[in-house]
Amino acid sequence: METNLIQQSSSTQSWTNKDFIELISVHDNKSKLKTYQQVRSELFQKAPPKAVIVYTHGMGSYVDKLCYIAKIFAENGYDFVGYDSLGFGYSEGERGVINSIEDYFEDAYQFTLKVINYYQDLYSESPAAIQFINYGYSLGVRVSIAVQRLYKLRYSQNLFSVFLWQSPYFDLKIKDPEYLAFLEETCLTEPSKIVLRQNTETQIPQKNSDEKDQKIYVADPIAQYGPYQAKTELMFMKKIEYLVEYYKEIDVPIFVAFANQDQAVDNDDAAQMIKTFKTPREQIESNFYESEHNILWAGRDVYKQIVSDQLAFLDRVLQK
């Protein structure tokens, strides 16, 4: 069947500011990373934002296409910011390559620090401190935890006051120890070798309203969904023990959106991990939504329900 191309809503919408913060990757100290900001709507302009949402994208993804998500939060009094990781989206760097997971985390950390400084300078006379909330998707959940851990180690306090997670990546649904061993061996001699875990498509799945049982795809030339170099695959797949140890220290409110048809990440594993957190049970909301792994796309109305639920959750936990 011939591929049908549907224009993404993000292409018809624009961010308030792009490159609102200058961000250079710590990996090479020269590659510029694309940053994005959606400022809350005019109705809320007379006061500081209710909070600043810091978005961390998933593997191979990028932030620009999520403008329609950012605008919903902006219409409810929140500022929404994010950046494209090194080599992904509209950032500079070797395309689709993660050279160091530590540098990958550090870039996210440095971005968040710059965001904090930006808003603290902007609202230096405000009597109330600005709160910062992470919105993490898939691998972006792991990134958000790494950022929280780094800040806690360096400043003995939490950076993010709330986590909003979607399709959280704690482990893959299909576990393949032999493939992981192959990656480790390959990285010793050929770290840049192209490897293929499974068939991947650099396209966005969407539902055709006229043919509800039929999948169609929207070409997305900016996304980098593989195949990847061996070192990138290893960085993505290998569990990081110090993060696993830190999970049980997480103590802030958490909203989790699981995709009930997720074939990428292990929902059961994520649910069990979340049970080990220090966060009180009444401050954790976990919901399952009718979707595959990618549940944010504009072509699927489920995102509207998810964001509505997230906003209701924020109204509840931020009042405490």
C-alpha atoms as a PDB file:
ATOM      1  CA  MET A   1       0.000   0.000   0.000  1.00  0.00           C
ATOM      2  CA  GLU A   2       1.277   3.453  -0.849  1.00  0.00           C
ATOM      3  CA  THR A   3       2.283   5.549   2.146  1.00  0.00           C
ATOM      4  CA  ASN A   4      -0.093   8.376   2.969  1.00  0.00           C
ATOM      5  CA  LEU A   5       1.526  11.559   4.237  1.00  0.00           C
ATOM      6  CA  ILE A   6      -0.393  13.631   6.762  1.00  0.00           C
ATOM      7  CA  GLN A   7       0.940  17.007   7.820  1.00  0.00           C
ATOM      8  CA  GLN A   8       1.829  17.116  11.494  1.00  0.00           C
ATOM      9  CA  SER A   9       0.125  19.833  13.537  1.00  0.00           C
ATOM     10  CA  SER A  10       3.550  20.864  14.856  1.00  0.00           C
ATOM     11  CA  SER A  11       4.440  22.121  11.389  1.00  0.00           C
ATOM     12  CA  THR A  12       1.565  24.594  11.503  1.00  0.00           C
ATOM     13  CA  GLN A  13       2.348  25.815  15.004  1.00  0.00           C
ATOM     14  CA  SER A  14       5.343  27.681  16.309  1.00  0.00           C
ATOM     15  CA  TRP A  15       7.191  27.954  19.587  1.00  0.00           C
ATOM     16  CA  THR A  16       7.352  31.259  21.436  1.00  0.00           C
ATOM     17  CA  ASN A  17      11.134  31.107  21.228  1.00  0.00           C
ATOM     18  CA  LYS A  18      13.749  28.844  19.724  1.00  0.00           C
ATOM     19  CA  ASP A  19      17.366  28.995  20.906  1.00  0.00           C
ATOM     20  CA  PHE A  20      16.120  30.965  23.915  1.00  0.00           C
ATOM     21  CA  ILE A  21      19.096  29.541  25.796  1.00  0.00           C
ATOM     22  CA  GLU A  22      22.513  28.913  24.275  1.00  0.00           C
ATOM     23  CA  LEU A  23      23.434  25.297  24.941  1.00  0.00           C
ATOM     24  CA  ILE A  24      26.714  23.678  23.889  1.00  0.00           C
ATOM     25  CA  SER A  25      27.206  19.937  24.334  1.00  0.00           C
ATOM     26  CA  VAL A  26      29.701  18.951  27.000  1.00  0.00           C
ATOM     27  CA  HIS A  27      30.765  16.052  24.778  1.00  0.00           C
ATOM     28  CA  ASP A  28      32.786  18.142  22.336  1.00  0.00           C
ATOM     29  CA  ASN A  29      32.366  21.658  23.756  1.00  0.00           C
ATOM     30  CA  LYS A  30      31.402  22.989  20.329  1.00  0.00           C
ATOM     31  CA  SER A  31      28.164  21.426  19.060  1.00  0.00           C
ATOM     32  CA  LYS A  32      25.154  23.692  19.495  1.00  0.00           C
ATOM     33  CA  LEU A  33      21.986  22.077  20.829  1.00  0.00           C
ATOM     34  CA  LYS A  34      18.568  23.384  19.783  1.00  0.00           C
ATOM     35  CA  THR A  35      16.450  24.755  22.629  1.00  0.00           C
ATOM     36  CA  TYR A  36      12.730  25.541  22.726  1.00  0.00           C
ATOM     37  CA  GLN A  37      10.425  27.627  24.903  1.00  0.00           C
ATOM     38  CA  GLN A  38       6.653  27.974  24.979  1.00  0.00           C
ATOM     39  CA  VAL A  39       5.585  30.820  27.258  1.00  0.00           C
ATOM     40  CA  ARG A  40       2.243  30.621  29.067  1.00  0.00           C
ATOM     41  CA  SER A  41      -0.712  32.322  27.422  1.00  0.00           C
ATOM     42  CA  GLU A  42      -1.519  36.007  27.852  1.00  0.00           C
ATOM     43  CA  LEU A  43      -4.183  35.214  30.447  1.00  0.00           C
ATOM     44  CA  PHE A  44      -1.393  34.200  32.865  1.00  0.00           C
ATOM     45  CA  GLN A  45       1.240  36.774  31.869  1.00  0.00           C
ATOM     46  CA  LYS A  46       0.778  39.070  34.876  1.00  0.00           C
ATOM     47  CA  ALA A  47       2.224  36.465  37.235  1.00  0.00           C
ATOM     48  CA  PRO A  48       5.128  34.008  37.075  1.00  0.00           C
ATOM     49  CA  PRO A  49       4.315  30.604  35.575  1.00  0.00           C
ATOM     50  CA  LYS A  50       2.597  28.043  37.795  1.00  0.00           C
ATOM     51  CA  ALA A  51       5.710  25.970  37.093  1.00  0.00           C
ATOM     52  CA  VAL A  52       8.193  25.357  34.288  1.00  0.00           C
ATOM     53  CA  ILE A  53       7.846  22.037  32.451  1.00  0.00           C
ATOM     54  CA  VAL A  54      11.239  20.674  31.307  1.00  0.00           C
ATOM     55  CA  TYR A  55      10.779  18.080  28.561  1.00  0.00           C
ATOM     56  CA  THR A  56      13.275  15.257  27.945  1.00  0.00           C
ATOM     57  CA  HIS A  57      12.660  13.404  24.682  1.00  0.00           C
ATOM     58  CA  GLY A  58      12.938   9.723  23.841  1.00  0.00           C
ATOM     59  CA  MET A  59      15.543   7.808  21.869  1.00  0.00           C
ATOM     60  CA  GLY A  60      15.885   9.186  18.350  1.00  0.00           C
ATOM     61  CA  SER A  61      13.207  11.809  18.883  1.00  0.00           C
ATOM     62  CA  TYR A  62      13.239  15.615  19.165  1.00  0.00           C
ATOM     63  CA  VAL A  63      11.238  18.431  20.739  1.00  0.00           C
ATOM     64  CA  ASP A  64      10.154  20.661  17.846  1.00  0.00           C
ATOM     65  CA  LYS A  65       7.233  18.447  16.803  1.00  0.00           C
ATOM     66  CA  LEU A  66       5.671  18.610  20.277  1.00  0.00           C
ATOM     67  CA  CYS A  67       4.673  22.261  20.075  1.00  0.00           C
ATOM     68  CA  TYR A  68       0.986  21.308  20.293  1.00  0.00           C
ATOM     69  CA  ILE A  69       1.627  19.603  23.664  1.00  0.00           C
ATOM     70  CA  ALA A  70       3.551  22.629  24.932  1.00  0.00           C
ATOM     71  CA  LYS A  71       0.698  24.941  23.927  1.00  0.00           C
ATOM     72  CA  ILE A  72      -1.830  23.030  26.035  1.00  0.00           C
ATOM     73  CA  PHE A  73       0.330  23.513  29.110  1.00  0.00           C
ATOM     74  CA  ALA A  74       0.871  27.175  28.167  1.00  0.00           C
ATOM     75  CA  GLU A  75      -2.895  27.672  27.953  1.00  0.00           C
ATOM     76  CA  ASN A  76      -3.081  26.453  31.544  1.00  0.00           C
ATOM     77  CA  GLY A  77      -0.429  28.766  32.995  1.00  0.00           C
ATOM     78  CA  TYR A  78       2.764  26.737  32.569  1.00  0.00           C
ATOM     79  CA  ASP A  79       5.917  27.526  30.630  1.00  0.00           C
ATOM     80  CA  PHE A  80       7.227  24.557  28.631  1.00  0.00           C
ATOM     81  CA  VAL A  81      10.875  24.138  27.579  1.00  0.00           C
ATOM     82  CA  GLY A  82      13.061  21.469  26.021  1.00  0.00           C
ATOM     83  CA  TYR A  83      16.076  20.769  23.836  1.00  0.00           C
ATOM     84  CA  ASP A  84      17.193  18.299  21.177  1.00  0.00           C
ATOM     85  CA  SER A  85      19.981  16.007  22.331  1.00  0.00           C
ATOM     86  CA  LEU A  86      23.370  15.976  20.605  1.00  0.00           C
ATOM     87  CA  GLY A  87      23.036  14.379  17.172  1.00  0.00           C
ATOM     88  CA  PHE A  88      19.233  14.340  17.235  1.00  0.00           C
ATOM     89  CA  GLY A  89      16.488  16.613  15.967  1.00  0.00           C
ATOM     90  CA  TYR A  90      17.787  20.039  14.989  1.00  0.00           C
ATOM     91  CA  SER A  91      20.876  19.927  17.189  1.00  0.00           C
ATOM     92  CA  GLU A  92      24.375  19.678  15.796  1.00  0.00           C
ATOM     93  CA  GLY A  93      26.544  16.591  16.146  1.00  0.00           C
ATOM     94  CA  GLU A  94      26.939  13.244  14.405  1.00  0.00           C
ATOM     95  CA  ARG A  95      23.447  12.121  13.432  1.00  0.00           C
ATOM     96  CA  GLY A  96      21.862   9.462  15.591  1.00  0.00           C
ATOM     97  CA  VAL A  97      24.948   8.785  17.692  1.00  0.00           C
ATOM     98  CA  ILE A  98      25.312   8.651  21.469  1.00  0.00           C
ATOM     99  CA  ASN A  99      29.036   8.618  22.164  1.00  0.00           C
ATOM    100  CA  SER A 100      28.774   8.752  25.950  1.00  0.00           C
ATOM    101  CA  ILE A 101      25.685   8.237  28.074  1.00  0.00           C
ATOM    102  CA  GLU A 102      27.318  10.281  30.831  1.00  0.00           C
ATOM    103  CA  ASP A 103      27.713  13.249  28.475  1.00  0.00           C
ATOM    104  CA  TYR A 104      24.148  12.662  27.259  1.00  0.00           C
ATOM    105  CA  PHE A 105      22.942  13.002  30.862  1.00  0.00           C
ATOM    106  CA  GLU A 106      25.231  15.949  31.573  1.00  0.00           C
ATOM    107  CA  ASP A 107      23.839  17.905  28.610  1.00  0.00           C
ATOM    108  CA  ALA A 108      20.359  17.487  30.088  1.00  0.00           C
ATOM    109  CA  TYR A 109      21.651  18.566  33.477  1.00  0.00           C
ATOM    110  CA  GLN A 110      23.365  21.663  32.080  1.00  0.00           C
ATOM    111  CA  PHE A 111      20.245  22.595  30.111  1.00  0.00           C
ATOM    112  CA  THR A 112      18.099  22.358  33.229  1.00  0.00           C
ATOM    113  CA  LEU A 113      20.551  24.470  35.232  1.00  0.00           C
ATOM    114  CA  LYS A 114      20.473  27.121  32.517  1.00  0.00           C
ATOM    115  CA  VAL A 115      16.669  27.041  32.572  1.00  0.00           C
ATOM    116  CA  ILE A 116      16.669  27.505  36.350  1.00  0.00           C
ATOM    117  CA  ASN A 117      19.061  30.462  36.115  1.00  0.00           C
ATOM    118  CA  TYR A 118      17.026  31.962  33.272  1.00  0.00           C
ATOM    119  CA  TYR A 119      13.793  31.915  35.272  1.00  0.00           C
ATOM    120  CA  GLN A 120      15.400  32.941  38.539  1.00  0.00           C
ATOM    121  CA  ASP A 121      16.849  36.008  36.825  1.00  0.00           C
ATOM    122  CA  LEU A 122      13.545  36.734  35.103  1.00  0.00           C
ATOM    123  CA  TYR A 123      11.550  36.565  38.333  1.00  0.00           C
ATOM    124  CA  SER A 124      14.176  37.581  40.862  1.00  0.00           C
ATOM    125  CA  GLU A 125      11.679  39.830  42.666  1.00  0.00           C
ATOM    126  CA  SER A 126       8.941  37.222  42.875  1.00  0.00           C
ATOM    127  CA  PRO A 127       8.184  36.198  46.489  1.00  0.00           C
ATOM    128  CA  ALA A 128       7.473  32.582  45.506  1.00  0.00           C
ATOM    129  CA  ALA A 129      10.100  30.236  44.130  1.00  0.00           C
ATOM    130  CA  ILE A 130       9.526  28.893  40.623  1.00  0.00           C
ATOM    131  CA  GLN A 131       8.948  25.132  40.559  1.00  0.00           C
ATOM    132  CA  PHE A 132      10.472  22.933  37.861  1.00  0.00           C
ATOM    133  CA  ILE A 133       8.721  19.804  36.634  1.00  0.00           C
ATOM    134  CA  ASN A 134      10.102  17.119  34.362  1.00  0.00           C
ATOM    135  CA  TYR A 135       8.072  15.720  31.486  1.00  0.00           C
ATOM    136  CA  GLY A 136       9.970  12.598  30.437  1.00  0.00           C
ATOM    137  CA  TYR A 137       9.179  10.294  27.548  1.00  0.00           C
ATOM    138  CA  SER A 138      10.670   6.781  27.184  1.00  0.00           C
ATOM    139  CA  LEU A 139      14.484   7.194  27.401  1.00  0.00           C
ATOM    140  CA  GLY A 140      13.779  10.741  28.591  1.00  0.00           C
ATOM    141  CA  VAL A 141      12.538   9.222  31.859  1.00  0.00           C
ATOM    142  CA  ARG A 142      15.953   7.723  32.485  1.00  0.00           C
ATOM    143  CA  VAL A 143      17.495  11.081  31.585  1.00  0.00           C
ATOM    144  CA  SER A 144      15.250  12.896  34.073  1.00  0.00           C
ATOM    145  CA  ILE A 145      16.227  10.510  36.860  1.00  0.00           C
ATOM    146  CA  ALA A 146      19.913  11.003  36.045  1.00  0.00           C
ATOM    147  CA  VAL A 147      19.466  14.790  36.203  1.00  0.00           C
ATOM    148  CA  GLN A 148      17.608  14.553  39.517  1.00  0.00           C
ATOM    149  CA  ARG A 149      20.360  12.336  40.923  1.00  0.00           C
ATOM    150  CA  LEU A 150      23.163  14.664  39.799  1.00  0.00           C
ATOM    151  CA  TYR A 151      21.474  17.678  41.347  1.00  0.00           C
ATOM    152  CA  LYS A 152      20.808  15.817  44.590  1.00  0.00           C
ATOM    153  CA  LEU A 153      24.455  14.739  44.795  1.00  0.00           C
ATOM    154  CA  ARG A 154      25.735  18.257  44.129  1.00  0.00           C
ATOM    155  CA  TYR A 155      23.198  20.346  46.049  1.00  0.00           C
ATOM    156  CA  SER A 156      21.544  17.906  48.501  1.00  0.00           C
ATOM    157  CA  GLN A 157      18.042  18.736  47.279  1.00  0.00           C
ATOM    158  CA  ASN A 158      15.629  17.828  44.497  1.00  0.00           C
ATOM    159  CA  LEU A 159      15.696  19.740  41.249  1.00  0.00           C
ATOM    160  CA  PHE A 160      12.342  18.570  39.867  1.00  0.00           C
ATOM    161  CA  SER A 161       9.381  18.851  42.212  1.00  0.00           C
ATOM    162  CA  VAL A 162       7.191  16.547  40.089  1.00  0.00           C
ATOM    163  CA  PHE A 163       7.745  13.920  37.387  1.00  0.00           C
ATOM    164  CA  LEU A 164       5.320  13.473  34.483  1.00  0.00           C
ATOM    165  CA  TRP A 165       6.322  10.295  32.667  1.00  0.00           C
ATOM    166  CA  GLN A 166       5.068   8.607  29.527  1.00  0.00           C
ATOM    167  CA  SER A 167       6.020   5.107  28.361  1.00  0.00           C
ATOM    168  CA  PRO A 168       8.853   5.045  30.925  1.00  0.00           C
ATOM    169  CA  TYR A 169      11.955   3.148  29.858  1.00  0.00           C
ATOM    170  CA  PHE A 170      13.369   1.142  32.723  1.00  0.00           C
ATOM    171  CA  ASP A 171      13.918  -1.956  30.576  1.00  0.00           C
ATOM    172  CA  LEU A 172      13.040  -3.188  27.097  1.00  0.00           C
ATOM    173  CA  LYS A 173      10.058  -5.452  26.585  1.00  0.00           C
ATOM    174  CA  ILE A 174      12.124  -7.902  24.533  1.00  0.00           C
ATOM    175  CA  LYS A 175      15.228  -8.765  26.540  1.00  0.00           C
ATOM    176  CA  ASP A 176      18.142 -10.240  24.619  1.00  0.00           C
ATOM    177  CA  PRO A 177      21.238 -10.941  26.763  1.00  0.00           C
ATOM    178  CA  GLU A 178      23.050 -12.448  23.772  1.00  0.00           C
ATOM    179  CA  TYR A 179      22.570  -9.278  21.751  1.00  0.00           C
ATOM    180  CA  LEU A 180      23.781  -7.170  24.668  1.00  0.00           C
ATOM    181  CA  ALA A 181      26.895  -9.356  24.952  1.00  0.00           C
ATOM    182  CA  PHE A 182      27.409  -8.975  21.191  1.00  0.00           C
ATOM    183  CA  LEU A 183      27.232  -5.190  21.541  1.00  0.00           C
ATOM    184  CA  GLU A 184      29.761  -5.137  24.359  1.00  0.00           C
ATOM    185  CA  GLU A 185      32.157  -7.295  22.337  1.00  0.00           C
ATOM    186  CA  THR A 186      31.635  -5.259  19.170  1.00  0.00           C
ATOM    187  CA  CYS A 187      32.264  -1.987  20.995  1.00  0.00           C
ATOM    188  CA  LEU A 188      35.729  -3.196  21.964  1.00  0.00           C
ATOM    189  CA  THR A 189      36.822  -3.343  18.323  1.00  0.00           C
ATOM    190  CA  GLU A 190      34.190  -1.677  16.101  1.00  0.00           C
ATOM    191  CA  PRO A 191      32.151   0.793  18.194  1.00  0.00           C
ATOM    192  CA  SER A 192      30.930   2.606  15.062  1.00  0.00           C
ATOM    193  CA  LYS A 193      29.660  -0.548  13.340  1.00  0.00           C
ATOM    194  CA  ILE A 194      26.014  -0.290  12.273  1.00  0.00           C
ATOM    195  CA  VAL A 195      23.909  -2.929  14.000  1.00  0.00           C
ATOM    196  CA  LEU A 196      20.229  -3.771  13.819  1.00  0.00           C
ATOM    197  CA  ARG A 197      18.264  -5.077  16.787  1.00  0.00           C
ATOM    198  CA  GLN A 198      14.991  -5.304  14.917  1.00  0.00           C
ATOM    199  CA  ASN A 199      13.245  -3.722  11.962  1.00  0.00           C
ATOM    200  CA  THR A 200      12.736  -0.027  12.633  1.00  0.00           C
ATOM    201  CA  GLU A 201      10.846   2.667  10.776  1.00  0.00           C
ATOM    202  CA  THR A 202      11.714   6.345  10.771  1.00  0.00           C
ATOM    203  CA  GLN A 203       8.041   7.154  10.546  1.00  0.00           C
ATOM    204  CA  ILE A 204       5.233   8.168  12.876  1.00  0.00           C
ATOM    205  CA  PRO A 205       2.364   5.677  13.290  1.00  0.00           C
ATOM    206  CA  GLN A 206      -1.065   7.260  13.089  1.00  0.00           C
ATOM    207  CA  LYS A 207      -4.636   6.057  12.846  1.00  0.00           C
ATOM    208  CA  ASN A 208      -6.541   6.663   9.647  1.00  0.00           C
ATOM    209  CA  SER A 209      -9.966   8.034  10.602  1.00  0.00           C
ATOM    210  CA  ASP A 210     -11.504   6.484   7.480  1.00  0.00           C
ATOM    211  CA  GLU A 211      -9.972   3.050   7.970  1.00  0.00           C
ATOM    212  CA  LYS A 212      -9.825   2.580  11.732  1.00  0.00           C
ATOM    213  CA  ASP A 213      -8.217  -0.848  11.668  1.00  0.00           C
ATOM    214  CA  GLN A 214      -5.521   0.129   9.217  1.00  0.00           C
ATOM    215  CA  LYS A 215      -2.162   1.615  10.145  1.00  0.00           C
ATOM    216  CA  ILE A 216      -0.725   4.372   8.032  1.00  0.00           C
ATOM    217  CA  TYR A 217       2.537   6.206   8.484  1.00  0.00           C
ATOM    218  CA  VAL A 218       3.713   9.767   8.321  1.00  0.00           C
ATOM    219  CA  ALA A 219       7.227  10.325   7.062  1.00  0.00           C
ATOM    220  CA  ASP A 220       9.420  11.975   9.687  1.00  0.00           C
ATOM    221  CA  PRO A 221      12.835  12.701   8.164  1.00  0.00           C
ATOM    222  CA  ILE A 222      14.121  14.450  11.298  1.00  0.00           C
ATOM    223  CA  ALA A 223      13.681  11.519  13.691  1.00  0.00           C
ATOM    224  CA  GLN A 224      16.549   9.040  14.097  1.00  0.00           C
ATOM    225  CA  TYR A 225      15.020   5.663  14.934  1.00  0.00           C
ATOM    226  CA  GLY A 226      17.878   3.451  13.769  1.00  0.00           C
ATOM    227  CA  PRO A 227      19.680   1.409  12.829  1.00  0.00           C
ATOM    228  CA  TYR A 228      22.328   2.742  15.197  1.00  0.00           C
ATOM    229  CA  GLN A 229      26.027   2.300  15.751  1.00  0.00           C
ATOM    230  CA  ALA A 230      26.973  -0.425  18.220  1.00  0.00           C
ATOM    231  CA  LYS A 231      28.105   2.105  20.833  1.00  0.00           C
ATOM    232  CA  THR A 232      24.779   3.948  20.608  1.00  0.00           C
ATOM    233  CA  GLU A 233      22.794   0.725  20.966  1.00  0.00           C
ATOM    234  CA  LEU A 234      24.887  -0.246  23.981  1.00  0.00           C
ATOM    235  CA  MET A 235      24.449   3.150  25.628  1.00  0.00           C
ATOM    236  CA  PHE A 236      20.697   2.858  25.099  1.00  0.00           C
ATOM    237  CA  MET A 237      20.214  -0.746  26.190  1.00  0.00           C
ATOM    238  CA  LYS A 238      22.632  -1.322  29.042  1.00  0.00           C
ATOM    239  CA  LYS A 239      21.283  -0.869  32.556  1.00  0.00           C
ATOM    240  CA  ILE A 240      23.114   1.709  34.637  1.00  0.00           C
ATOM    241  CA  GLU A 241      23.575   0.312  38.105  1.00  0.00           C
ATOM    242  CA  TYR A 242      23.977   3.627  39.924  1.00  0.00           C
ATOM    243  CA  LEU A 243      20.624   4.759  38.485  1.00  0.00           C
ATOM    244  CA  VAL A 244      18.974   1.513  39.535  1.00  0.00           C
ATOM    245  CA  GLU A 245      20.318   2.145  43.035  1.00  0.00           C
ATOM    246  CA  TYR A 246      18.986   5.699  42.971  1.00  0.00           C
ATOM    247  CA  TYR A 247      15.437   4.682  42.026  1.00  0.00           C
ATOM    248  CA  LYS A 248      14.599   3.906  45.642  1.00  0.00           C
ATOM    249  CA  GLU A 249      15.602   7.468  46.624  1.00  0.00           C
ATOM    250  CA  ILE A 250      13.003   9.133  44.380  1.00  0.00           C
ATOM    251  CA  ASP A 251      10.493  10.913  46.619  1.00  0.00           C
ATOM    252  CA  VAL A 252       8.561  13.459  44.524  1.00  0.00           C
ATOM    253  CA  PRO A 253       5.006  13.139  43.100  1.00  0.00           C
ATOM    254  CA  ILE A 254       4.846  11.103  39.887  1.00  0.00           C
ATOM    255  CA  PHE A 255       2.286  10.771  37.109  1.00  0.00           C
ATOM    256  CA  VAL A 256       2.863   7.785  34.818  1.00  0.00           C
ATOM    257  CA  ALA A 257       1.134   7.221  31.481  1.00  0.00           C
ATOM    258  CA  PHE A 258       1.565   3.640  30.284  1.00  0.00           C
ATOM    259  CA  ALA A 259       0.693   2.546  26.741  1.00  0.00           C
ATOM    260  CA  ASN A 260      -1.261  -0.686  27.074  1.00  0.00           C
ATOM    261  CA  GLN A 261      -0.018  -1.960  23.698  1.00  0.00           C
ATOM    262  CA  ASP A 262       3.606  -0.967  24.284  1.00  0.00           C
ATOM    263  CA  GLN A 263       5.949  -3.286  22.400  1.00  0.00           C
ATOM    264  CA  ALA A 264       9.099  -1.293  23.151  1.00  0.00           C
ATOM    265  CA  VAL A 265       9.431  -1.021  26.927  1.00  0.00           C
ATOM    266  CA  ASP A 266       8.495  -3.356  29.755  1.00  0.00           C
ATOM    267  CA  ASN A 267       5.477  -1.901  31.566  1.00  0.00           C
ATOM    268  CA  ASP A 268       5.555  -4.572  34.270  1.00  0.00           C
ATOM    269  CA  ASP A 269       9.200  -3.850  35.007  1.00  0.00           C
ATOM    270  CA  ALA A 270       8.500  -0.111  35.225  1.00  0.00           C
ATOM    271  CA  ALA A 271       5.503  -0.633  37.510  1.00  0.00           C
ATOM    272  CA  GLN A 272       7.587  -2.776  39.855  1.00  0.00           C
ATOM    273  CA  MET A 273      10.413  -0.233  39.898  1.00  0.00           C
ATOM    274  CA  ILE A 274       8.029   2.577  40.797  1.00  0.00           C
ATOM    275  CA  LYS A 275       6.836   0.586  43.803  1.00  0.00           C
ATOM    276  CA  THR A 276      10.359   0.854  45.256  1.00  0.00           C
ATOM    277  CA  PHE A 277      10.295   4.677  45.256  1.00  0.00           C
ATOM    278  CA  LYS A 278       9.998   6.684  48.467  1.00  0.00           C
ATOM    279  CA  THR A 279       7.176   8.741  46.990  1.00  0.00           C
ATOM    280  CA  PRO A 280       3.993   8.192  49.054  1.00  0.00           C
ATOM    281  CA  ARG A 281       1.470   6.006  47.214  1.00  0.00           C
ATOM    282  CA  GLU A 282      -1.148   8.772  47.261  1.00  0.00           C
ATOM    283  CA  GLN A 283       1.259  10.980  45.267  1.00  0.00           C
ATOM    284  CA  ILE A 284       1.716   8.432  42.472  1.00  0.00           C
ATOM    285  CA  GLU A 285      -0.857   8.175  39.699  1.00  0.00           C
ATOM    286  CA  SER A 286      -0.395   5.413  37.114  1.00  0.00           C
ATOM    287  CA  ASN A 287      -2.824   5.126  34.215  1.00  0.00           C
ATOM    288  CA  PHE A 288      -2.964   2.864  31.171  1.00  0.00           C
ATOM    289  CA  TYR A 289      -4.027   4.341  27.837  1.00  0.00           C
ATOM    290  CA  GLU A 290      -5.123   2.670  24.613  1.00  0.00           C
ATOM    291  CA  SER A 291      -1.993   3.156  22.563  1.00  0.00           C
ATOM    292  CA  GLU A 292       1.307   1.789  21.351  1.00  0.00           C
ATOM    293  CA  HIS A 293       4.630   3.161  22.621  1.00  0.00           C
ATOM    294  CA  ASN A 294       4.366   6.487  20.795  1.00  0.00           C
ATOM    295  CA  ILE A 295       1.328   8.089  22.393  1.00  0.00           C
ATOM    296  CA  LEU A 296       2.007  11.803  21.933  1.00  0.00           C
ATOM    297  CA  TRP A 297       1.345  12.210  18.231  1.00  0.00           C
ATOM    298  CA  ALA A 298      -1.248  14.742  17.134  1.00  0.00           C
ATOM    299  CA  GLY A 299      -2.983  12.133  14.984  1.00  0.00           C
ATOM    300  CA  ARG A 300      -4.103  10.261  18.094  1.00  0.00           C
ATOM    301  CA  ASP A 301      -6.635  11.901  20.346  1.00  0.00           C
ATOM    302  CA  VAL A 302      -5.398   9.904  23.347  1.00  0.00           C
ATOM    303  CA  TYR A 303      -2.784  12.602  24.010  1.00  0.00           C
ATOM    304  CA  LYS A 304      -5.581  15.042  24.891  1.00  0.00           C
ATOM    305  CA  GLN A 305      -6.818  12.764  27.669  1.00  0.00           C
ATOM    306  CA  ILE A 306      -3.295  12.193  28.941  1.00  0.00           C
ATOM    307  CA  VAL A 307      -2.488  15.908  29.155  1.00  0.00           C
ATOM    308  CA  SER A 308      -5.866  16.587  30.783  1.00  0.00           C
ATOM    309  CA  ASP A 309      -5.088  13.950  33.410  1.00  0.00           C
ATOM    310  CA  GLN A 310      -1.607  15.391  33.906  1.00  0.00           C
ATOM    311  CA  LEU A 311      -2.978  18.895  34.443  1.00  0.00           C
ATOM    312  CA  ALA A 312      -5.486  17.605  36.996  1.00  0.00           C
ATOM    313  CA  PHE A 313      -2.666  15.778  38.773  1.00  0.00           C
ATOM    314  CA  LEU A 314      -0.546  18.943  38.877  1.00  0.00           C
ATOM    315  CA  ASP A 315      -3.460  20.945  40.262  1.00  0.00           C
ATOM    316  CA  ARG A 316      -3.702  18.412  43.069  1.00  0.00           C
ATOM    317  CA  VAL A 317      -0.044  17.950  44.022  1.00  0.00           C
ATOM    318  CA  LEU A 318       1.183  21.522  43.527  1.00  0.00           C
ATOM    319  CA  GLN A 319      -1.372  22.828  46.023  1.00  0.00           C
ATOM    320  CA  LYS A 320       0.240  20.835  48.823  1.00  0.00           C
END
